[in-house]
PDB file of N, CA and C in Angstrom:
ATOM      1  N   LYS A   1      77.744  97.589  89.865  1.00  0.00           N
ATOM      2  CA  LYS A   1      78.429  98.960  90.790  1.00  0.00           C
ATOM      3  C   LYS A   1      78.109  98.796  91.958  1.00  0.00           C
ATOM      4  N   TYR A   2      78.661  99.104  92.786  1.00  0.00           N
ATOM      5  CA  TYR A   2      78.594  99.051  94.356  1.00  0.00           C
ATOM      6  C   TYR A   2      79.047 100.543  94.938  1.00  0.00           C
ATOM      7  N   GLY A   3      77.890 101.033  95.991  1.00  0.00           N
ATOM      8  CA  GLY A   3      78.514 102.429  96.797  1.00  0.00           C
ATOM      9  C   GLY A   3      78.815 101.930  98.190  1.00  0.00           C
ATOM     10  N   TYR A   4      79.815 102.808  98.466  1.00  0.00           N
ATOM     11  CA  TYR A   4      79.801 102.816 100.043  1.00  0.00           C
ATOM     12  C   TYR A   4      79.727 104.335 100.649  1.00  0.00           C
ATOM     13  N   ALA A   5      78.973 104.391 101.523  1.00  0.00           N
ATOM     14  CA  ALA A   5      78.821 105.711 102.189  1.00  0.00           C
ATOM     15  C   ALA A   5      79.489 105.764 103.735  1.00  0.00           C
ATOM     16  N   ARG A   6      79.959 106.554 104.124  1.00  0.00           N
ATOM     17  CA  ARG A   6      80.011 106.537 105.441  1.00  0.00           C
ATOM     18  C   ARG A   6      80.024 108.161 106.203  1.00  0.00           C
ATOM     19  N   VAL A   7      79.516 107.982 107.248  1.00  0.00           N
ATOM     20  CA  VAL A   7      79.794 109.387 108.103  1.00  0.00           C
ATOM     21  C   VAL A   7      80.353 108.849 109.479  1.00  0.00           C
ATOM     22  N   SER A   8      81.136 109.871 110.166  1.00  0.00           N
ATOM     23  CA  SER A   8      81.699 109.393 111.617  1.00  0.00           C
ATOM     24  C   SER A   8      80.552 109.349 112.926  1.00  0.00           C
ATOM     25  N   THR A   9      79.478 109.782 112.768  1.00  0.00           N
ATOM     26  CA  THR A   9      78.558 110.022 114.002  1.00  0.00           C
ATOM     27  C   THR A   9      77.141 109.915 113.370  1.00  0.00           C
ATOM     28  N   GLU A  10      76.529 109.703 114.318  1.00  0.00           N
ATOM     29  CA  GLU A  10      74.972 109.310 114.443  1.00  0.00           C
ATOM     30  C   GLU A  10      74.164 110.571 113.809  1.00  0.00           C
ATOM     31  N   ALA A  11      74.618 111.728 114.593  1.00  0.00           N
ATOM     32  CA  ALA A  11      74.264 113.152 114.211  1.00  0.00           C
ATOM     33  C   ALA A  11      74.172 113.543 112.248  1.00  0.00           C
ATOM     34  N   GLN A  12      75.316 112.764 111.743  1.00  0.00           N
ATOM     35  CA  GLN A  12      75.936 113.159 110.344  1.00  0.00           C
ATOM     36  C   GLN A  12      74.697 112.264 109.490  1.00  0.00           C
ATOM     37  N   ASP A  13      74.164 113.137 108.571  1.00  0.00           N
ATOM     38  CA  ASP A  13      73.733 112.444 107.499  1.00  0.00           C
ATOM     39  C   ASP A  13      74.139 111.446 106.020  1.00  0.00           C
ATOM     40  N   LEU A  14      73.720 110.613 105.460  1.00  0.00           N
ATOM     41  CA  LEU A  14      74.246 110.223 104.695  1.00  0.00           C
ATOM     42  C   LEU A  14      73.705 110.271 103.360  1.00  0.00           C
ATOM     43  N   THR A  15      72.454 111.069 103.585  1.00  0.00           N
ATOM     44  CA  THR A  15      71.636 111.690 102.313  1.00  0.00           C
ATOM     45  C   THR A  15      72.499 111.916 100.960  1.00  0.00           C
ATOM     46  N   ALA A  16      73.543 112.840 100.801  1.00  0.00           N
ATOM     47  CA  ALA A  16      74.194 113.808  99.903  1.00  0.00           C
ATOM     48  C   ALA A  16      74.728 112.699  99.472  1.00  0.00           C
ATOM     49  N   GLN A  17      75.784 111.637 100.109  1.00  0.00           N
ATOM     50  CA  GLN A  17      76.534 110.240  99.475  1.00  0.00           C
ATOM     51  C   GLN A  17      75.544 109.534  98.900  1.00  0.00           C
ATOM     52  N   ILE A  18      74.562 109.374  99.190  1.00  0.00           N
ATOM     53  CA  ILE A  18      73.772 108.221  99.070  1.00  0.00           C
ATOM     54  C   ILE A  18      73.413 108.189  97.485  1.00  0.00           C
ATOM     55  N   ASP A  19      72.376 109.749  97.354  1.00  0.00           N
ATOM     56  CA  ASP A  19      72.480 110.393  96.270  1.00  0.00           C
ATOM     57  C   ASP A  19      72.887 110.434  95.374  1.00  0.00           C
ATOM     58  N   ARG A  20      74.331 110.995  95.369  1.00  0.00           N
ATOM     59  CA  ARG A  20      75.542 110.728  94.335  1.00  0.00           C
ATOM     60  C   ARG A  20      75.987 109.509  93.401  1.00  0.00           C
ATOM     61  N   LEU A  21      76.152 108.714  95.047  1.00  0.00           N
ATOM     62  CA  LEU A  21      76.195 107.036  94.188  1.00  0.00           C
ATOM     63  C   LEU A  21      74.974 106.938  93.264  1.00  0.00           C
ATOM     64  N   GLN A  22      73.830 107.055  93.858  1.00  0.00           N
ATOM     65  CA  GLN A  22      73.109 106.693  93.114  1.00  0.00           C
ATOM     66  C   GLN A  22      72.678 106.877  91.745  1.00  0.00           C
ATOM     67  N   THR A  23      73.336 108.463  91.464  1.00  0.00           N
ATOM     68  CA  THR A  23      72.926 109.294  90.374  1.00  0.00           C
ATOM     69  C   THR A  23      74.416 108.641  89.482  1.00  0.00           C
ATOM     70  N   ALA A  24      75.642 107.937  90.306  1.00  0.00           N
ATOM     71  CA  ALA A  24      76.377 107.118  89.751  1.00  0.00           C
ATOM     72  C   ALA A  24      75.964 105.735  89.004  1.00  0.00           C
ATOM     73  N   GLY A  25      74.796 105.519  89.288  1.00  0.00           N
ATOM     74  CA  GLY A  25      74.756 104.236  88.836  1.00  0.00           C
ATOM     75  C   GLY A  25      74.932 103.077  89.782  1.00  0.00           C
ATOM     76  N   CYS A  26      74.833 103.290  90.906  1.00  0.00           N
ATOM     77  CA  CYS A  26      75.308 102.089  91.860  1.00  0.00           C
ATOM     78  C   CYS A  26      73.945 101.434  92.316  1.00  0.00           C
ATOM     79  N   GLN A  27      73.748  99.979  91.943  1.00  0.00           N
ATOM     80  CA  GLN A  27      72.761  99.162  92.027  1.00  0.00           C
ATOM     81  C   GLN A  27      72.507  98.767  93.625  1.00  0.00           C
ATOM     82  N   ARG A  28      73.442  98.693  94.570  1.00  0.00           N
ATOM     83  CA  ARG A  28      73.959  98.167  95.701  1.00  0.00           C
ATOM     84  C   ARG A  28      74.687  99.215  96.551  1.00  0.00           C
ATOM     85  N   ILE A  29      74.031 100.018  97.811  1.00  0.00           N
ATOM     86  CA  ILE A  29      75.156 100.623  98.620  1.00  0.00           C
ATOM     87  C   ILE A  29      75.133 100.128  99.853  1.00  0.00           C
ATOM     88  N   PHE A  30      76.118 100.029 100.217  1.00  0.00           N
ATOM     89  CA  PHE A  30      76.511  99.789 101.751  1.00  0.00           C
ATOM     90  C   PHE A  30      76.624 101.175 102.360  1.00  0.00           C
ATOM     91  N   PHE A  31      76.191 101.448 103.506  1.00  0.00           N
ATOM     92  CA  PHE A  31      76.580 102.425 104.404  1.00  0.00           C
ATOM     93  C   PHE A  31      76.351 102.058 105.852  1.00  0.00           C
ATOM     94  N   GLU A  32      77.265 103.030 106.641  1.00  0.00           N
ATOM     95  CA  GLU A  32      77.218 103.031 108.030  1.00  0.00           C
ATOM     96  C   GLU A  32      77.350 104.705 108.862  1.00  0.00           C
ATOM     97  N   LYS A  33      76.973 104.349 109.942  1.00  0.00           N
ATOM     98  CA  LYS A  33      77.635 105.685 110.945  1.00  0.00           C
ATOM     99  C   LYS A  33      78.766 105.544 111.818  1.00  0.00           C
ATOM    100  N   ARG A  34      80.118 105.341 111.423  1.00  0.00           N
ATOM    101  CA  ARG A  34      81.209 105.093 112.710  1.00  0.00           C
ATOM    102  C   ARG A  34      82.376 105.850 111.897  1.00  0.00           C
ATOM    103  N   SER A  35      83.406 106.127 112.801  1.00  0.00           N
ATOM    104  CA  SER A  35      84.358 106.725 112.462  1.00  0.00           C
ATOM    105  C   SER A  35      85.328 106.017 111.458  1.00  0.00           C
ATOM    106  N   GLY A  36      86.252 106.673 110.546  1.00  0.00           N
ATOM    107  CA  GLY A  36      86.809 106.108 109.526  1.00  0.00           C
ATOM    108  C   GLY A  36      87.913 105.350 110.048  1.00  0.00           C
ATOM    109  N   LYS A  37      88.321 105.806 111.396  1.00  0.00           N
ATOM    110  CA  LYS A  37      89.443 105.309 112.067  1.00  0.00           C
ATOM    111  C   LYS A  37      89.400 103.909 112.886  1.00  0.00           C
ATOM    112  N   ASP A  38      87.835 103.551 112.956  1.00  0.00           N
ATOM    113  CA  ASP A  38      87.449 102.513 113.411  1.00  0.00           C
ATOM    114  C   ASP A  38      87.315 101.116 112.213  1.00  0.00           C
ATOM    115  N   ALA A  39      88.640 100.057 112.841  1.00  0.00           N
ATOM    116  CA  ALA A  39      88.635  99.215 111.884  1.00  0.00           C
ATOM    117  C   ALA A  39      87.706  98.391 111.958  1.00  0.00           C
ATOM    118  N   ASN A  40      86.626  98.326 112.787  1.00  0.00           N
ATOM    119  CA  ASN A  40      85.674  97.233 112.798  1.00  0.00           C
ATOM    120  C   ASN A  40      84.405  97.915 112.223  1.00  0.00           C
ATOM    121  N   ARG A  41      84.317  97.906 110.836  1.00  0.00           N
ATOM    122  CA  ARG A  41      82.948  98.293 110.042  1.00  0.00           C
ATOM    123  C   ARG A  41      82.514  97.795 109.370  1.00  0.00           C
ATOM    124  N   PRO A  42      81.483  96.742 109.730  1.00  0.00           N
ATOM    125  CA  PRO A  42      80.736  95.656 109.453  1.00  0.00           C
ATOM    126  C   PRO A  42      80.323  95.883 107.888  1.00  0.00           C
ATOM    127  N   GLN A  43      79.673  97.026 107.454  1.00  0.00           N
ATOM    128  CA  GLN A  43      79.054  96.825 106.035  1.00  0.00           C
ATOM    129  C   GLN A  43      80.345  97.085 105.208  1.00  0.00           C
ATOM    130  N   LEU A  44      81.307  97.629 105.702  1.00  0.00           N
ATOM    131  CA  LEU A  44      82.677  97.594 104.762  1.00  0.00           C
ATOM    132  C   LEU A  44      82.938  96.341 104.448  1.00  0.00           C
ATOM    133  N   LYS A  45      83.470  95.839 105.621  1.00  0.00           N
ATOM    134  CA  LYS A  45      83.795  94.137 105.641  1.00  0.00           C
ATOM    135  C   LYS A  45      82.703  93.660 104.705  1.00  0.00           C
ATOM    136  N   ARG A  46      81.463  93.602 105.083  1.00  0.00           N
ATOM    137  CA  ARG A  46      80.682  92.831 104.142  1.00  0.00           C
ATOM    138  C   ARG A  46      80.470  93.190 102.558  1.00  0.00           C
ATOM    139  N   LEU A  47      80.928  94.421 102.215  1.00  0.00           N
ATOM    140  CA  LEU A  47      81.067  94.640 100.915  1.00  0.00           C
ATOM    141  C   LEU A  47      82.210  94.406 100.234  1.00  0.00           C
ATOM    142  N   LEU A  48      83.498  94.204 100.959  1.00  0.00           N
ATOM    143  CA  LEU A  48      84.659  93.511 100.883  1.00  0.00           C
ATOM    144  C   LEU A  48      84.587  92.029 100.493  1.00  0.00           C
ATOM    145  N   ARG A  49      84.264  91.280 101.288  1.00  0.00           N
ATOM    146  CA  ARG A  49      83.733  89.786 101.478  1.00  0.00           C
ATOM    147  C   ARG A  49      83.142  89.425  99.982  1.00  0.00           C
ATOM    148  N   GLY A  50      81.998  90.537  99.566  1.00  0.00           N
ATOM    149  CA  GLY A  50      81.032  89.970  98.541  1.00  0.00           C
ATOM    150  C   GLY A  50      81.683  90.106  97.433  1.00  0.00           C
ATOM    151  N   LEU A  51      83.235  90.958  97.125  1.00  0.00           N
ATOM    152  CA  LEU A  51      83.130  91.442  95.578  1.00  0.00           C
ATOM    153  C   LEU A  51      83.798  90.292  94.777  1.00  0.00           C
ATOM    154  N   ARG A  52      83.409  90.474  93.269  1.00  0.00           N
ATOM    155  CA  ARG A  52      83.656  89.107  92.328  1.00  0.00           C
ATOM    156  C   ARG A  52      84.550  89.829  91.432  1.00  0.00           C
ATOM    157  N   PRO A  53      84.839  89.412  90.311  1.00  0.00           N
ATOM    158  CA  PRO A  53      85.712  89.749  89.375  1.00  0.00           C
ATOM    159  C   PRO A  53      85.082  90.852  88.442  1.00  0.00           C
ATOM    160  N   GLY A  54      85.410  92.198  88.278  1.00  0.00           N
ATOM    161  CA  GLY A  54      84.555  93.191  87.577  1.00  0.00           C
ATOM    162  C   GLY A  54      83.620  93.775  88.207  1.00  0.00           C
ATOM    163  N   ASP A  55      83.578  93.433  89.534  1.00  0.00           N
ATOM    164  CA  ASP A  55      82.615  94.458  90.394  1.00  0.00           C
ATOM    165  C   ASP A  55      83.104  96.050  90.515  1.00  0.00           C
ATOM    166  N   VAL A  56      82.491  97.193  90.434  1.00  0.00           N
ATOM    167  CA  VAL A  56      83.236  98.314  90.867  1.00  0.00           C
ATOM    168  C   VAL A  56      82.879  98.856  92.100  1.00  0.00           C
ATOM    169  N   VAL A  57      83.691  99.579  93.115  1.00  0.00           N
ATOM    170  CA  VAL A  57      82.993 100.034  94.236  1.00  0.00           C
ATOM    171  C   VAL A  57      83.311 101.396  94.334  1.00  0.00           C
ATOM    172  N   TYR A  58      82.001 102.010  94.587  1.00  0.00           N
ATOM    173  CA  TYR A  58      82.173 103.762  94.210  1.00  0.00           C
ATOM    174  C   TYR A  58      82.189 104.126  95.421  1.00  0.00           C
ATOM    175  N   ALA A  59      82.907 105.145  95.561  1.00  0.00           N
ATOM    176  CA  ALA A  59      82.891 106.383  97.180  1.00  0.00           C
ATOM    177  C   ALA A  59      82.894 107.530  96.731  1.00  0.00           C
ATOM    178  N   VAL A  60      82.136 108.415  97.058  1.00  0.00           N
ATOM    179  CA  VAL A  60      82.421 110.039  96.955  1.00  0.00           C
ATOM    180  C   VAL A  60      83.618 110.235  96.756  1.00  0.00           C
ATOM    181  N   VAL A  61      84.345 110.281  98.072  1.00  0.00           N
ATOM    182  CA  VAL A  61      85.810 110.706  98.342  1.00  0.00           C
ATOM    183  C   VAL A  61      86.702 109.454  99.016  1.00  0.00           C
ATOM    184  N   SER A  62      87.579 109.552  98.994  1.00  0.00           N
ATOM    185  CA  SER A  62      88.511 108.831  99.750  1.00  0.00           C
ATOM    186  C   SER A  62      88.400 108.558 100.937  1.00  0.00           C
ATOM    187  N   ASP A  63      88.202 110.052 101.677  1.00  0.00           N
ATOM    188  CA  ASP A  63      88.312 109.614 103.286  1.00  0.00           C
ATOM    189  C   ASP A  63      86.853 108.763 103.853  1.00  0.00           C
ATOM    190  N   ARG A  64      86.127 108.819 103.016  1.00  0.00           N
ATOM    191  CA  ARG A  64      84.418 108.222 103.412  1.00  0.00           C
ATOM    192  C   ARG A  64      84.934 106.646 103.265  1.00  0.00           C
ATOM    193  N   VAL A  65      86.082 106.034 102.652  1.00  0.00           N
ATOM    194  CA  VAL A  65      86.607 105.049 102.676  1.00  0.00           C
ATOM    195  C   VAL A  65      87.703 104.613 103.880  1.00  0.00           C
ATOM    196  N   ALA A  66      88.515 105.398 104.497  1.00  0.00           N
ATOM    197  CA  ALA A  66      89.380 105.554 105.302  1.00  0.00           C
ATOM    198  C   ALA A  66      90.094 106.886 105.255  1.00  0.00           C
ATOM    199  N   ARG A  67      89.977 106.887 106.929  1.00  0.00           N
ATOM    200  CA  ARG A  67      90.836 108.366 107.187  1.00  0.00           C
ATOM    201  C   ARG A  67      92.397 108.359 106.991  1.00  0.00           C
ATOM    202  N   ASP A  68      93.156 106.629 107.173  1.00  0.00           N
ATOM    203  CA  ASP A  68      94.539 106.718 107.036  1.00  0.00           C
ATOM    204  C   ASP A  68      94.901 105.973 105.895  1.00  0.00           C
ATOM    205  N   PRO A  69      95.913 106.724 105.096  1.00  0.00           N
ATOM    206  CA  PRO A  69      96.364 106.500 103.733  1.00  0.00           C
ATOM    207  C   PRO A  69      96.874 104.886 104.075  1.00  0.00           C
ATOM    208  N   PHE A  70      96.882 104.532 105.058  1.00  0.00           N
ATOM    209  CA  PHE A  70      97.524 102.886 105.090  1.00  0.00           C
ATOM    210  C   PHE A  70      96.332 102.133 105.055  1.00  0.00           C
ATOM    211  N   ASP A  71      95.390 102.591 106.276  1.00  0.00           N
ATOM    212  CA  ASP A  71      94.200 101.810 105.697  1.00  0.00           C
ATOM    213  C   ASP A  71      93.580 101.664 104.399  1.00  0.00           C
ATOM    214  N   LEU A  72      93.125 103.104 103.859  1.00  0.00           N
ATOM    215  CA  LEU A  72      92.892 102.934 102.200  1.00  0.00           C
ATOM    216  C   LEU A  72      93.597 101.941 101.469  1.00  0.00           C
ATOM    217  N   LEU A  73      94.951 101.742 101.341  1.00  0.00           N
ATOM    218  CA  LEU A  73      95.728 101.093 100.604  1.00  0.00           C
ATOM    219  C   LEU A  73      95.348  99.658 101.008  1.00  0.00           C
ATOM    220  N   SER A  74      95.477  99.277 102.584  1.00  0.00           N
ATOM    221  CA  SER A  74      94.762  98.127 102.524  1.00  0.00           C
ATOM    222  C   SER A  74      93.541  97.616 101.911  1.00  0.00           C
ATOM    223  N   ILE A  75      92.564  98.458 102.129  1.00  0.00           N
ATOM    224  CA  ILE A  75      91.418  98.296 101.459  1.00  0.00           C
ATOM    225  C   ILE A  75      91.579  98.327  99.736  1.00  0.00           C
ATOM    226  N   LEU A  76      92.056  99.163  99.278  1.00  0.00           N
ATOM    227  CA  LEU A  76      92.306  98.810  97.636  1.00  0.00           C
ATOM    228  C   LEU A  76      93.195  97.353  97.467  1.00  0.00           C
ATOM    229  N   ARG A  77      93.913  96.915  98.232  1.00  0.00           N
ATOM    230  CA  ARG A  77      94.544  95.572  97.863  1.00  0.00           C
ATOM    231  C   ARG A  77      93.482  94.515  98.167  1.00  0.00           C
ATOM    232  N   THR A  78      92.458  94.952  98.923  1.00  0.00           N
ATOM    233  CA  THR A  78      91.709  93.552  99.016  1.00  0.00           C
ATOM    234  C   THR A  78      90.669  93.522  98.307  1.00  0.00           C
ATOM    235  N   VAL A  79      90.415  95.046  97.322  1.00  0.00           N
ATOM    236  CA  VAL A  79      89.232  95.419  96.463  1.00  0.00           C
ATOM    237  C   VAL A  79      89.824  94.849  94.866  1.00  0.00           C
ATOM    238  N   THR A  80      91.382  95.119  95.039  1.00  0.00           N
ATOM    239  CA  THR A  80      92.263  94.657  93.440  1.00  0.00           C
ATOM    240  C   THR A  80      92.104  93.051  93.742  1.00  0.00           C
ATOM    241  N   ALA A  81      92.607  92.407  94.731  1.00  0.00           N
ATOM    242  CA  ALA A  81      92.770  91.198  95.113  1.00  0.00           C
ATOM    243  C   ALA A  81      91.675  90.206  94.574  1.00  0.00           C
ATOM    244  N   ALA A  82      90.295  90.994  94.691  1.00  0.00           N
ATOM    245  CA  ALA A  82      89.110  89.831  94.551  1.00  0.00           C
ATOM    246  C   ALA A  82      88.737  90.381  92.845  1.00  0.00           C
ATOM    247  N   GLY A  83      89.898  90.980  92.190  1.00  0.00           N
ATOM    248  CA  GLY A  83      89.390  91.371  90.413  1.00  0.00           C
ATOM    249  C   GLY A  83      88.730  92.603  90.523  1.00  0.00           C
ATOM    250  N   ALA A  84      88.428  93.539  91.452  1.00  0.00           N
ATOM    251  CA  ALA A  84      87.701  94.423  91.362  1.00  0.00           C
ATOM    252  C   ALA A  84      88.246  95.879  91.331  1.00  0.00           C
ATOM    253  N   GLY A  85      87.433  96.569  91.338  1.00  0.00           N
ATOM    254  CA  GLY A  85      88.174  98.349  91.306  1.00  0.00           C
ATOM    255  C   GLY A  85      87.356  99.366  91.877  1.00  0.00           C
ATOM    256  N   LEU A  86      88.020 100.500  92.325  1.00  0.00           N
ATOM    257  CA  LEU A  86      87.583 101.227  93.179  1.00  0.00           C
ATOM    258  C   LEU A  86      87.697 102.768  92.621  1.00  0.00           C
ATOM    259  N   ARG A  87      86.471 103.223  92.567  1.00  0.00           N
ATOM    260  CA  ARG A  87      86.247 104.485  92.033  1.00  0.00           C
ATOM    261  C   ARG A  87      85.643 105.597  92.980  1.00  0.00           C
ATOM    262  N   LEU A  88      86.791 106.654  92.839  1.00  0.00           N
ATOM    263  CA  LEU A  88      85.987 107.885  93.803  1.00  0.00           C
ATOM    264  C   LEU A  88      85.611 108.923  92.533  1.00  0.00           C
ATOM    265  N   LEU A  89      84.526 109.219  93.284  1.00  0.00           N
ATOM    266  CA  LEU A  89      83.627 110.505  92.112  1.00  0.00           C
ATOM    267  C   LEU A  89      84.147 111.595  92.597  1.00  0.00           C
ATOM    268  N   ASP A  90      84.989 112.124  93.409  1.00  0.00           N
ATOM    269  CA  ASP A  90      85.556 113.558  93.699  1.00  0.00           C
ATOM    270  C   ASP A  90      87.009 113.198  93.629  1.00  0.00           C
TER     271      ASP A  90
END
């Protein structure tokens, strides 16, 4: 299980998201402080590149993965093409 957590600014705190992902059993959590509208999110790209069949990516809510529905769909396609899944906690 992988987790992905994101906040939009350096001033925001990731702790609550990371705690929820750990409680869900995520063994490795990728996180970053960047806008969801920013396509250049190195940790998300790193997570997606490393996915293998059977992996599951967890996020607290969909807008932590992407703010734009089309971006979310593109990410979901990448996840499923790797044979992995995406699960949202809320």
